[in-house]
Protein backbone atom coordinates (compact mmCIF):
# COMPACT_ATOMS: atom_id res chain seq x y z
CA MET A 1 -25.79 52.49 -48.37
CA SER A 2 -28.69 50.09 -48.99
CA PRO A 3 -29.34 47.30 -46.44
CA ARG A 4 -28.48 44.63 -49.02
CA ARG A 5 -25.16 46.22 -49.87
CA GLU A 6 -24.42 46.70 -46.15
CA ARG A 7 -24.94 42.98 -45.57
CA MET A 8 -22.70 42.15 -48.49
CA THR A 9 -19.79 44.20 -47.17
CA LYS A 10 -19.56 42.27 -43.92
CA ARG A 11 -16.61 39.98 -43.36
CA SER A 12 -16.50 36.78 -41.34
CA PRO A 13 -14.49 37.30 -38.14
CA GLY A 14 -12.05 34.81 -36.79
CA GLY A 15 -11.20 33.36 -40.20
CA GLY A 16 -8.24 31.29 -39.06
CA GLY A 17 -10.08 29.53 -36.23
CA ARG A 18 -13.12 28.88 -38.38
CA VAL A 19 -10.94 27.39 -41.09
CA ARG A 20 -9.29 25.06 -38.59
CA ARG A 21 -12.67 23.98 -37.17
CA ALA A 22 -14.08 23.44 -40.65
CA MET A 23 -11.11 21.34 -41.69
CA ALA A 24 -11.33 19.36 -38.45
CA ARG A 25 -14.94 18.49 -39.25
CA LEU A 26 -14.05 17.66 -42.85
CA THR A 27 -11.22 15.35 -41.84
CA SER A 28 -12.79 13.69 -38.81
CA ALA A 29 -13.53 10.00 -38.69
CA PRO A 30 -17.29 9.80 -39.30
CA ALA A 31 -17.79 8.67 -42.87
CA PRO A 32 -18.65 11.50 -45.18
CA SER A 33 -17.10 14.27 -43.16
CA SER A 34 -13.81 13.80 -44.96
CA PRO A 35 -15.09 14.49 -48.45
CA PRO A 36 -13.36 17.52 -49.86
CA LEU A 37 -9.92 16.05 -49.27
CA ILE A 38 -10.47 13.34 -51.88
CA PRO A 39 -10.36 15.58 -54.97
CA PHE A 40 -6.97 16.83 -53.73
CA PHE A 41 -5.62 13.30 -54.26
CA LEU A 42 -7.44 13.14 -57.60
CA ALA A 43 -5.55 16.26 -58.61
CA MET A 44 -2.13 15.11 -57.48
CA PRO A 45 -1.40 12.21 -59.91
CA ARG A 46 -2.55 14.01 -63.04
CA ARG A 47 -0.49 17.12 -62.32
CA SER A 48 2.64 15.23 -61.30
CA GLN A 49 2.29 13.24 -64.53
CA ASP A 50 1.64 16.35 -66.58
CA VAL A 51 4.32 18.60 -65.14
CA GLY A 52 6.81 17.09 -62.72
CA VAL A 53 7.35 13.71 -64.37
CA MET A 54 7.23 14.84 -67.99
CA SER A 55 9.78 17.60 -67.46
CA GLY A 56 12.41 14.97 -66.66
CA ALA A 57 11.05 12.03 -68.65
CA ILE A 58 11.24 14.01 -71.89
CA LEU A 59 15.06 14.04 -71.64
CA PHE A 60 15.12 10.24 -71.90
CA ILE A 61 12.17 9.89 -74.30
CA GLN A 62 14.18 11.98 -76.77
CA LYS A 63 17.08 9.56 -76.56
CA ASP A 64 15.05 6.33 -76.53
CA LEU A 65 12.43 7.09 -79.21
CA HIS A 66 14.61 9.60 -81.13
CA ILE A 67 11.90 12.25 -81.32
CA THR A 68 12.49 15.67 -82.88
CA GLU A 69 12.17 19.04 -81.13
CA VAL A 70 8.79 19.62 -82.79
CA GLU A 71 7.56 16.21 -81.63
CA GLU A 72 8.76 17.10 -78.14
CA GLU A 73 6.71 20.31 -78.18
CA VAL A 74 3.65 18.44 -79.46
CA LEU A 75 4.04 15.69 -76.86
CA VAL A 76 4.30 18.18 -73.99
CA GLY A 77 1.72 20.71 -75.18
CA CYS A 78 -0.96 18.52 -76.77
CA LEU A 79 -2.14 17.28 -73.38
CA SER A 80 -3.25 20.76 -72.39
CA ILE A 81 -5.00 21.37 -75.72
CA ILE A 82 -6.81 18.03 -75.80
CA SER A 83 -7.89 18.47 -72.18
CA LEU A 84 -10.31 21.16 -73.34
CA LEU A 85 -12.51 18.35 -74.68
CA GLY A 86 -12.73 16.94 -71.18
CA SER A 87 -13.36 20.39 -69.72
CA LEU A 88 -16.19 21.12 -72.14
CA ALA A 89 -17.77 17.72 -71.57
CA GLY A 90 -17.18 17.96 -67.83
CA GLY A 91 -19.79 20.67 -67.24
CA ARG A 92 -22.61 18.74 -68.87
CA THR A 93 -21.47 15.42 -67.41
CA SER A 94 -21.31 16.80 -63.87
CA ASP A 95 -24.83 18.19 -64.18
CA ALA A 96 -26.10 14.85 -65.47
CA VAL A 97 -24.40 12.29 -63.22
CA GLY A 98 -23.14 14.44 -60.35
CA ARG A 99 -19.87 16.00 -59.31
CA LYS A 100 -18.19 13.01 -57.64
CA TRP A 101 -18.88 10.46 -60.39
CA THR A 102 -17.53 12.91 -62.93
CA MET A 103 -14.33 12.89 -60.88
CA ALA A 104 -14.38 9.09 -61.02
CA LEU A 105 -14.63 9.19 -64.81
CA ALA A 106 -11.72 11.65 -64.92
CA ALA A 107 -9.56 9.32 -62.84
CA ILE A 108 -10.37 6.23 -64.94
CA ILE A 109 -9.61 7.93 -68.27
CA PHE A 110 -6.38 9.42 -66.95
CA GLN A 111 -5.12 6.12 -65.53
CA ILE A 112 -5.78 4.29 -68.81
CA GLY A 113 -3.82 6.98 -70.64
CA ALA A 114 -0.94 6.76 -68.14
CA ALA A 115 -0.75 2.98 -68.56
CA ILE A 116 -0.61 3.27 -72.35
CA MET A 117 2.17 5.88 -72.12
CA ALA A 118 4.23 3.73 -69.76
CA LEU A 119 4.05 0.75 -72.14
CA ALA A 120 4.33 2.70 -75.41
CA PRO A 121 6.73 1.07 -77.92
CA SER A 122 6.70 4.07 -80.27
CA PHE A 123 5.93 7.77 -80.52
CA PRO A 124 2.41 7.29 -82.06
CA VAL A 125 1.35 4.97 -79.21
CA LEU A 126 2.86 7.37 -76.67
CA MET A 127 0.77 10.15 -78.22
CA MET A 128 -2.37 8.00 -78.02
CA GLY A 129 -1.90 7.58 -74.27
CA ARG A 130 -1.06 11.25 -73.90
CA LEU A 131 -4.30 12.27 -75.60
CA LEU A 132 -6.37 9.99 -73.34
CA ALA A 133 -4.63 11.40 -70.27
CA GLY A 134 -5.41 14.89 -71.54
CA VAL A 135 -9.15 14.17 -71.68
CA GLY A 136 -9.05 12.87 -68.10
CA ILE A 137 -7.16 15.95 -66.97
CA GLY A 138 -9.77 18.18 -68.64
CA PHE A 139 -12.54 16.54 -66.61
CA GLY A 140 -10.53 16.79 -63.41
CA VAL A 141 -9.39 20.39 -63.89
CA MET A 142 -12.97 21.49 -64.34
CA ILE A 143 -14.86 19.46 -61.75
CA ALA A 144 -12.58 19.11 -58.69
CA PRO A 145 -12.57 22.85 -57.78
CA VAL A 146 -16.33 23.09 -58.42
CA TYR A 147 -16.99 20.18 -56.07
CA ILE A 148 -14.76 21.54 -53.31
CA ALA A 149 -16.24 25.05 -53.56
CA GLU A 150 -19.80 23.72 -53.41
CA ILE A 151 -19.22 21.49 -50.39
CA SER A 152 -17.06 23.85 -48.33
CA PRO A 153 -18.33 26.31 -45.69
CA ALA A 154 -17.90 29.97 -46.66
CA ALA A 155 -15.35 30.69 -43.91
CA ALA A 156 -13.01 27.96 -45.15
CA ARG A 157 -13.88 27.82 -48.85
CA GLY A 158 -10.82 29.76 -49.99
CA SER A 159 -8.43 27.51 -48.08
CA LEU A 160 -10.21 24.30 -49.03
CA THR A 161 -10.56 25.21 -52.70
CA SER A 162 -6.87 26.08 -52.89
CA PHE A 163 -5.89 23.00 -50.83
CA PRO A 164 -5.59 20.79 -53.96
CA GLU A 165 -2.58 22.91 -54.90
CA ILE A 166 -0.71 21.29 -52.00
CA PHE A 167 -1.25 17.86 -53.52
CA ILE A 168 -0.64 19.11 -57.04
CA ASN A 169 2.66 20.63 -55.96
CA LEU A 170 3.50 17.61 -53.86
CA GLY A 171 2.85 15.51 -56.96
CA ILE A 172 5.16 17.74 -58.99
CA LEU A 173 7.84 17.46 -56.31
CA LEU A 174 7.49 13.67 -56.15
CA GLY A 175 7.69 13.64 -59.94
CA TYR A 176 10.96 15.56 -59.83
CA ILE A 177 12.31 13.25 -57.14
CA SER A 178 11.28 10.11 -59.06
CA ASN A 179 12.94 11.52 -62.18
CA TYR A 180 16.18 11.91 -60.26
CA ALA A 181 15.82 8.52 -58.56
CA PHE A 182 15.08 6.57 -61.75
CA SER A 183 17.48 8.45 -64.02
CA GLY A 184 20.16 5.83 -63.33
CA PHE A 185 18.18 3.09 -65.10
CA SER A 186 18.61 2.44 -68.82
CA GLU A 187 17.12 4.99 -71.21
CA HIS A 188 14.60 2.40 -72.42
CA VAL A 189 13.22 1.79 -68.91
CA ASN A 190 13.63 4.91 -66.75
CA TRP A 191 11.08 7.17 -68.45
CA ARG A 192 8.50 4.35 -68.48
CA ILE A 193 8.82 3.99 -64.71
CA MET A 194 8.53 7.77 -64.33
CA LEU A 195 5.29 7.85 -66.33
CA GLY A 196 3.92 4.69 -64.72
CA VAL A 197 4.05 5.87 -61.11
CA GLY A 198 0.95 8.03 -61.70
CA ILE A 199 -1.15 4.85 -61.90
CA LEU A 200 -0.65 3.92 -58.23
CA PRO A 201 -3.07 6.46 -56.63
CA SER A 202 -5.97 5.01 -58.66
CA VAL A 203 -6.42 2.27 -56.03
CA PHE A 204 -6.95 4.86 -53.29
CA ILE A 205 -9.24 6.93 -55.51
CA GLY A 206 -11.41 3.91 -56.29
CA PHE A 207 -12.10 3.29 -52.59
CA ALA A 208 -12.46 6.97 -51.72
CA LEU A 209 -15.22 7.64 -54.23
CA PHE A 210 -17.51 5.26 -52.35
CA VAL A 211 -17.02 7.32 -49.16
CA ILE A 212 -17.37 10.96 -50.21
CA PRO A 213 -20.84 12.55 -50.49
CA GLU A 214 -22.30 14.34 -53.46
CA SER A 215 -22.33 18.14 -53.71
CA PRO A 216 -25.29 19.56 -51.72
CA ARG A 217 -25.92 22.13 -54.42
CA TRP A 218 -26.16 19.43 -57.09
CA LEU A 219 -28.48 17.42 -54.83
CA VAL A 220 -30.78 20.44 -54.46
CA MET A 221 -30.89 20.84 -58.24
CA GLN A 222 -31.93 17.16 -58.38
CA LYS A 223 -34.73 17.89 -55.84
CA ARG A 224 -32.98 15.75 -53.21
CA ALA A 225 -33.13 18.35 -50.45
CA GLU A 226 -32.99 15.88 -47.55
CA GLU A 227 -29.72 14.43 -48.81
CA ALA A 228 -28.38 17.96 -49.29
CA ARG A 229 -29.37 18.83 -45.69
CA SER A 230 -27.52 15.73 -44.46
CA VAL A 231 -24.34 16.76 -46.26
CA LEU A 232 -24.56 20.35 -45.02
CA SER A 233 -25.05 19.19 -41.43
CA LYS A 234 -21.65 17.49 -41.59
CA ILE A 235 -19.80 20.66 -42.57
CA ILE A 236 -21.82 23.24 -40.58
CA GLU A 237 -22.24 22.91 -36.81
CA ASP A 238 -25.23 25.23 -36.34
CA GLU A 239 -28.54 23.64 -37.42
CA GLY A 240 -30.04 27.07 -38.00
CA GLU A 241 -27.16 27.91 -40.31
CA VAL A 242 -27.74 24.62 -42.13
CA GLU A 243 -31.36 25.56 -42.81
CA ARG A 244 -30.41 29.10 -43.85
CA ARG A 245 -27.74 27.84 -46.22
CA LEU A 246 -30.10 25.23 -47.66
CA ALA A 247 -32.69 27.93 -48.28
CA GLU A 248 -30.08 30.06 -50.07
CA ILE A 249 -29.09 27.13 -52.28
CA GLU A 250 -32.72 26.31 -53.09
CA LYS A 251 -33.34 29.93 -54.03
CA ALA A 252 -30.24 30.05 -56.25
CA ALA A 253 -31.15 26.72 -57.84
CA GLY A 254 -34.73 27.76 -58.57
CA ALA A 255 -34.21 29.03 -62.08
CA ALA A 256 -32.07 26.07 -63.09
CA THR A 257 -34.54 23.57 -61.63
CA ALA A 258 -37.46 25.26 -63.36
CA ASN A 259 -35.66 25.06 -66.70
CA LYS A 260 -34.53 21.44 -66.07
CA TRP A 261 -31.02 22.52 -67.14
CA GLU A 262 -31.89 23.18 -70.73
CA GLU A 263 -28.36 23.09 -72.10
CA LYS A 264 -29.10 25.37 -75.04
CA ALA A 265 -30.58 27.98 -72.72
CA VAL A 266 -27.50 27.85 -70.49
CA TRP A 267 -25.05 28.26 -73.34
CA LYS A 268 -27.24 30.94 -74.90
CA GLU A 269 -27.04 32.89 -71.65
CA LEU A 270 -23.26 32.44 -71.54
CA LEU A 271 -22.82 33.56 -75.15
CA SER A 272 -25.23 36.52 -74.78
CA PRO A 273 -24.49 37.52 -71.18
CA SER A 274 -26.12 40.20 -69.08
CA PRO A 275 -23.79 42.98 -67.82
CA SER A 276 -23.27 41.22 -64.48
CA LEU A 277 -22.60 37.84 -66.12
CA ARG A 278 -20.25 39.49 -68.61
CA ARG A 279 -18.19 40.82 -65.71
CA MET A 280 -18.15 37.36 -64.13
CA LEU A 281 -16.92 35.83 -67.39
CA ILE A 282 -14.22 38.48 -67.80
CA VAL A 283 -12.95 37.81 -64.28
CA GLY A 284 -13.26 34.01 -64.41
CA CYS A 285 -11.85 33.43 -67.89
CA GLY A 286 -9.33 36.28 -67.65
CA ILE A 287 -7.70 35.04 -64.46
CA GLN A 288 -7.55 31.50 -65.91
CA CYS A 289 -5.74 32.72 -69.04
CA PHE A 290 -3.34 34.99 -67.16
CA GLN A 291 -2.40 32.08 -64.91
CA GLN A 292 -0.93 30.29 -67.94
CA ILE A 293 0.23 32.98 -70.39
CA THR A 294 2.66 34.27 -67.78
CA GLY A 295 4.62 31.10 -68.55
CA ILE A 296 4.32 28.90 -65.47
CA ASP A 297 4.02 25.67 -67.45
CA ALA A 298 6.98 26.64 -69.62
CA THR A 299 8.98 27.32 -66.45
CA VAL A 300 8.10 23.96 -64.92
CA TYR A 301 7.87 21.70 -68.00
CA TYR A 302 11.08 23.03 -69.51
CA SER A 303 13.04 23.77 -66.33
CA PRO A 304 15.83 21.37 -67.45
CA THR A 305 16.08 23.32 -70.74
CA ILE A 306 16.21 26.62 -68.82
CA PHE A 307 18.91 25.38 -66.47
CA ARG A 308 20.90 23.93 -69.35
CA ASP A 309 20.75 27.35 -71.04
CA ALA A 310 21.96 28.86 -67.77
CA GLY A 311 25.05 26.65 -67.86
CA ILE A 312 24.25 23.32 -66.12
CA LYS A 313 25.47 20.42 -68.29
CA SER A 314 24.83 16.94 -66.86
CA ASP A 315 21.35 15.34 -66.79
CA SER A 316 21.66 14.42 -63.11
CA GLU A 317 22.52 18.01 -62.13
CA LEU A 318 19.61 19.30 -64.23
CA LEU A 319 17.17 16.96 -62.48
CA ALA A 320 18.64 17.85 -59.07
CA ALA A 321 18.05 21.54 -59.80
CA THR A 322 14.40 20.83 -60.66
CA ILE A 323 13.93 19.32 -57.19
CA ALA A 324 14.69 22.76 -55.73
CA VAL A 325 11.88 24.15 -57.91
CA GLY A 326 9.49 21.47 -56.66
CA VAL A 327 10.36 22.03 -53.00
CA THR A 328 9.85 25.79 -53.36
CA LYS A 329 6.52 25.39 -55.14
CA THR A 330 5.22 22.97 -52.50
CA CYS A 331 6.33 25.05 -49.51
CA PHE A 332 4.86 28.33 -50.72
CA ILE A 333 1.43 26.91 -51.49
CA LEU A 334 1.16 26.41 -47.71
CA VAL A 335 1.56 30.17 -47.32
CA ALA A 336 -1.39 30.73 -49.66
CA ILE A 337 -3.56 28.21 -47.83
CA PHE A 338 -2.77 29.95 -44.53
CA LEU A 339 -3.42 33.49 -45.79
CA ILE A 340 -6.19 33.26 -48.40
CA ASP A 341 -9.09 33.44 -45.91
CA ARG A 342 -7.20 35.81 -43.59
CA VAL A 343 -5.97 38.59 -45.87
CA GLY A 344 -8.23 37.96 -48.86
CA ARG A 345 -7.82 37.12 -52.54
CA LYS A 346 -6.74 40.47 -53.99
CA PRO A 347 -3.77 41.23 -51.69
CA LEU A 348 -2.31 37.80 -52.49
CA LEU A 349 -2.94 38.32 -56.20
CA TYR A 350 -1.10 41.66 -56.08
CA ALA A 351 1.89 40.12 -54.30
CA SER A 352 1.87 37.16 -56.68
CA THR A 353 1.66 39.00 -60.00
CA MET A 354 4.15 41.70 -58.99
CA GLY A 355 6.63 39.15 -57.66
CA MET A 356 6.32 36.99 -60.79
CA THR A 357 6.94 40.04 -62.98
CA LEU A 358 10.18 40.78 -61.13
CA CYS A 359 11.42 37.16 -61.09
CA LEU A 360 10.67 36.57 -64.79
CA PHE A 361 12.59 39.74 -65.63
CA LEU A 362 15.54 38.64 -63.46
CA LEU A 363 15.53 35.23 -65.16
CA GLY A 364 15.76 36.93 -68.54
CA VAL A 365 18.64 39.05 -67.24
CA ALA A 366 20.47 35.99 -65.83
CA LEU A 367 20.19 34.08 -69.11
CA SER A 368 21.25 37.15 -71.12
CA LEU A 369 24.33 37.71 -68.97
CA ASN A 370 25.25 34.04 -69.34
CA HIS A 371 25.43 34.40 -73.13
CA HIS A 372 26.33 38.05 -73.70
CA GLY A 373 27.69 39.36 -70.41
CA THR A 374 31.16 37.82 -70.45
CA GLY A 375 33.14 39.26 -67.55
CA LEU A 376 30.12 40.88 -65.89
CA ILE A 377 29.13 37.78 -63.91
CA SER A 378 30.77 34.44 -63.23
CA PRO A 379 29.19 31.26 -64.68
CA ALA A 380 28.44 29.99 -61.16
CA ALA A 381 26.73 33.27 -60.23
CA GLY A 382 24.72 33.17 -63.46
CA ILE A 383 23.51 29.64 -62.70
CA GLY A 384 22.69 30.65 -59.12
CA LEU A 385 20.72 33.71 -60.24
CA ALA A 386 18.76 31.63 -62.76
CA ILE A 387 17.85 29.02 -60.13
CA VAL A 388 16.82 31.74 -57.64
CA ALA A 389 14.70 33.48 -60.30
CA VAL A 390 12.92 30.25 -61.33
CA CYS A 391 12.30 29.31 -57.69
CA GLY A 392 11.10 32.85 -56.95
CA ASN A 393 8.71 32.73 -59.90
CA VAL A 394 7.10 29.46 -58.81
CA ALA A 395 6.99 30.70 -55.20
CA PHE A 396 5.04 33.85 -56.10
CA PHE A 397 2.83 31.79 -58.43
CA SER A 398 1.99 29.37 -55.61
CA VAL A 399 1.27 32.18 -53.15
CA GLY A 400 -1.36 33.83 -55.34
CA ILE A 401 -2.52 33.32 -58.89
CA GLY A 402 -1.90 29.55 -58.86
CA PRO A 403 -4.53 28.57 -56.27
CA ILE A 404 -6.65 31.74 -56.30
CA CYS A 405 -7.36 31.34 -60.01
CA TRP A 406 -9.36 28.18 -59.21
CA VAL A 407 -10.95 29.67 -56.11
CA LEU A 408 -12.33 32.67 -58.01
CA SER A 409 -13.50 30.69 -61.04
CA THR A 410 -15.67 28.49 -58.82
CA GLU A 411 -16.92 31.27 -56.52
CA ILE A 412 -18.23 33.91 -58.87
CA PHE A 413 -20.71 32.16 -61.19
CA PRO A 414 -24.44 31.57 -60.47
CA LEU A 415 -25.36 27.99 -59.56
CA ARG A 416 -27.38 27.41 -62.74
CA LEU A 417 -24.31 28.33 -64.84
CA ARG A 418 -21.47 27.31 -62.54
CA ALA A 419 -20.49 24.01 -64.15
CA GLN A 420 -20.55 25.30 -67.74
CA ALA A 421 -18.95 28.67 -66.93
CA SER A 422 -16.20 26.96 -64.93
CA ALA A 423 -15.69 24.64 -67.89
CA LEU A 424 -15.22 27.67 -70.16
CA GLY A 425 -12.60 29.06 -67.82
CA ALA A 426 -10.83 25.70 -67.67
CA VAL A 427 -10.83 25.56 -71.47
CA GLY A 428 -9.16 28.97 -71.59
CA ASN A 429 -6.62 27.78 -69.04
CA ARG A 430 -5.79 24.58 -70.95
CA VAL A 431 -5.62 26.28 -74.37
CA SER A 432 -3.29 28.94 -72.98
CA SER A 433 -1.15 26.26 -71.32
CA GLY A 434 -0.99 24.23 -74.52
CA LEU A 435 -0.07 27.18 -76.71
CA VAL A 436 2.73 28.16 -74.35
CA ALA A 437 4.05 24.60 -74.02
CA MET A 438 3.84 23.87 -77.75
CA SER A 439 5.61 27.07 -78.79
CA PHE A 440 8.22 27.61 -76.07
CA LEU A 441 11.10 25.78 -77.75
CA SER A 442 10.40 27.32 -81.17
CA VAL A 443 10.05 30.85 -79.78
CA SER A 444 13.18 30.39 -77.66
CA ARG A 445 15.12 29.31 -80.73
CA ALA A 446 13.94 32.42 -82.57
CA ILE A 447 14.47 35.07 -79.86
CA THR A 448 16.53 33.13 -77.25
CA VAL A 449 15.28 31.70 -73.95
CA ALA A 450 16.08 35.02 -72.25
CA GLY A 451 13.95 36.96 -74.75
CA THR A 452 11.04 34.60 -74.15
CA PHE A 453 11.11 35.29 -70.43
CA PHE A 454 11.24 39.04 -70.98
CA ILE A 455 7.95 38.60 -72.87
CA PHE A 456 6.50 36.56 -70.00
CA SER A 457 7.55 39.35 -67.62
CA ALA A 458 5.68 41.95 -69.70
CA ILE A 459 2.55 39.78 -69.75
CA SER A 460 2.80 39.33 -65.99
CA ALA A 461 2.90 43.12 -65.61
CA LEU A 462 -0.40 43.28 -67.53
CA SER A 463 -1.89 40.77 -65.09
CA VAL A 464 -1.26 43.25 -62.25
CA ALA A 465 -3.46 45.79 -64.02
CA PHE A 466 -6.11 43.12 -64.68
CA VAL A 467 -6.30 42.29 -60.97
CA PHE A 468 -6.57 45.98 -60.06
CA TYR A 469 -9.36 46.85 -62.49
CA CYS A 470 -11.38 43.64 -62.80
CA VAL A 471 -11.09 41.29 -59.82
CA PRO A 472 -13.35 41.86 -56.78
CA GLU A 473 -12.68 40.68 -53.23
CA THR A 474 -14.78 37.62 -52.34
CA LYS A 475 -13.32 36.70 -48.95
CA GLY A 476 -15.90 35.64 -46.35
CA LYS A 477 -18.95 35.70 -48.64
CA SER A 478 -21.20 32.77 -49.45
CA LEU A 479 -21.47 31.76 -53.10
CA GLU A 480 -24.96 33.27 -53.21
CA GLN A 481 -23.72 36.59 -51.76
CA ILE A 482 -20.95 36.72 -54.36
CA GLU A 483 -23.56 36.35 -57.08
CA GLU A 484 -25.43 39.29 -55.54
CA LEU A 485 -22.16 41.25 -55.46
CA PHE A 486 -21.82 41.12 -59.24
CA GLN A 487 -25.51 41.86 -59.75
CA ALA A 488 -25.22 44.87 -57.44
CA SER A 489 -22.05 46.23 -59.02
CA ARG A 490 -23.91 48.30 -61.59
CA GLU A 491 -26.30 49.55 -58.90
CA GLY A 492 -23.29 50.52 -56.81
CA GLN A 493 -21.72 52.40 -59.72
CA ASN A 494 -24.98 54.30 -60.28
CA GLU A 495 -25.25 55.11 -56.57
CA GLU A 496 -21.69 56.43 -56.52
CA VAL A 497 -22.37 58.65 -59.54
CA GLU A 498 -25.54 59.98 -57.91
CA LEU A 499 -23.65 60.63 -54.66
CA GLN A 500 -20.90 62.51 -56.51
CA ASP A 501 -23.52 64.61 -58.32
CA ALA A 502 -25.22 65.44 -55.02
CA GLU A 503 -21.91 66.45 -53.43
CA HIS A 504 -21.14 68.64 -56.43
CA LEU A 505 -24.50 70.41 -56.15
CA LEU A 506 -24.00 70.99 -52.43
CA GLN A 507 -20.58 72.50 -53.06
CA GLU A 508 -22.13 74.87 -55.58
């Protein structure tokens, strides 16, 4: 084994303790040492608005504004589609003005959209606010994980990059709870309150953005090495390690700095990739798409529809059942945060995709028995099995592919391409989410809700194979070492072939 490959195979010992020490430094009192926690709060309001709140609010929007089923699908799904505009613009914007001010722009656009939705007198105005919120979400989806990955120490990067999922899931849970709490108001008022609560965190975000530092990797690309060293010194205790990490970043940023981020050159490289970059794109974009086409947004957005199909009738009982989904999703993301830097990315991805496959299949079975299995299972048992299957699906999602999708998509790309490549992955994620959300009701009407979840189960089974064949383990490596890992993969394959040939000759 070559010395370079030997260095790359090393793992960081004591992951749990190093994660705790890193997070202690990141959350301690001195000013900028709390930075990476801020994007977690940026993530929470947009996701609770997009998923938790809308899943319940749509029940009352239908009654108040008298929208059709098609309009419901468009209202729910268009946000994900339109967010691709924000994701595409986010890469270039973050390179131009910096990572943290791109997050500020995302928050401002989203809050304006949320305010318009809350005050909308008609469906067209509601759609206008929804589209604005979608652009803000696109910026946020792309830039928050990039920022956290670039500012986090290698030993804690997996936990910190997946940490936003806690706040996203907490936002979803709070959205479910607010839906249940406000459902007693009149149909003209309750959904407006549900949509309006997402505006409140903007006050905190406004203050926080003046405290957090800029990404050290972006500062190096701007030739502001002293500022980058200052940021690194707040997240790394050892001064020697600070200098070594700064040298790695400067080396990785060399090509991009020399080219002054010529946008056409970057996109040309992405559209005509080298073999190593092609593998990165397959992994990054593939995991983003699989995260959505396995139906997680359909499960969460339309959970009231699923539970109604399972046999629950009243709106209050439907919303109460969704709270169980939110609690499960929030609790199990803590498991992922605890394990991701201990056991690695791939083991969690295997557990996640296999568990989702099983739960999606069981959900299809539960819904089928409810409609066609008279006498085989009681209505109460059918409802219970459906709730357990939905909760199991979101639990396995939160343990693996939910957070790890964003960790991988920010870890694997070279610095000069990271913003744009991550934007491409986010676009794939949002398009997949939108297509699922905008077609779920129509497909369910055509082949039943149960049939739709059998399809999701089959797609989830394919994701297991994708993880096995395509996704590498990145636990414990710096971003620069991960880039070397992909560049060395072809060398490794050639070395293995040569070794096999040599063994064959010796046997002869």
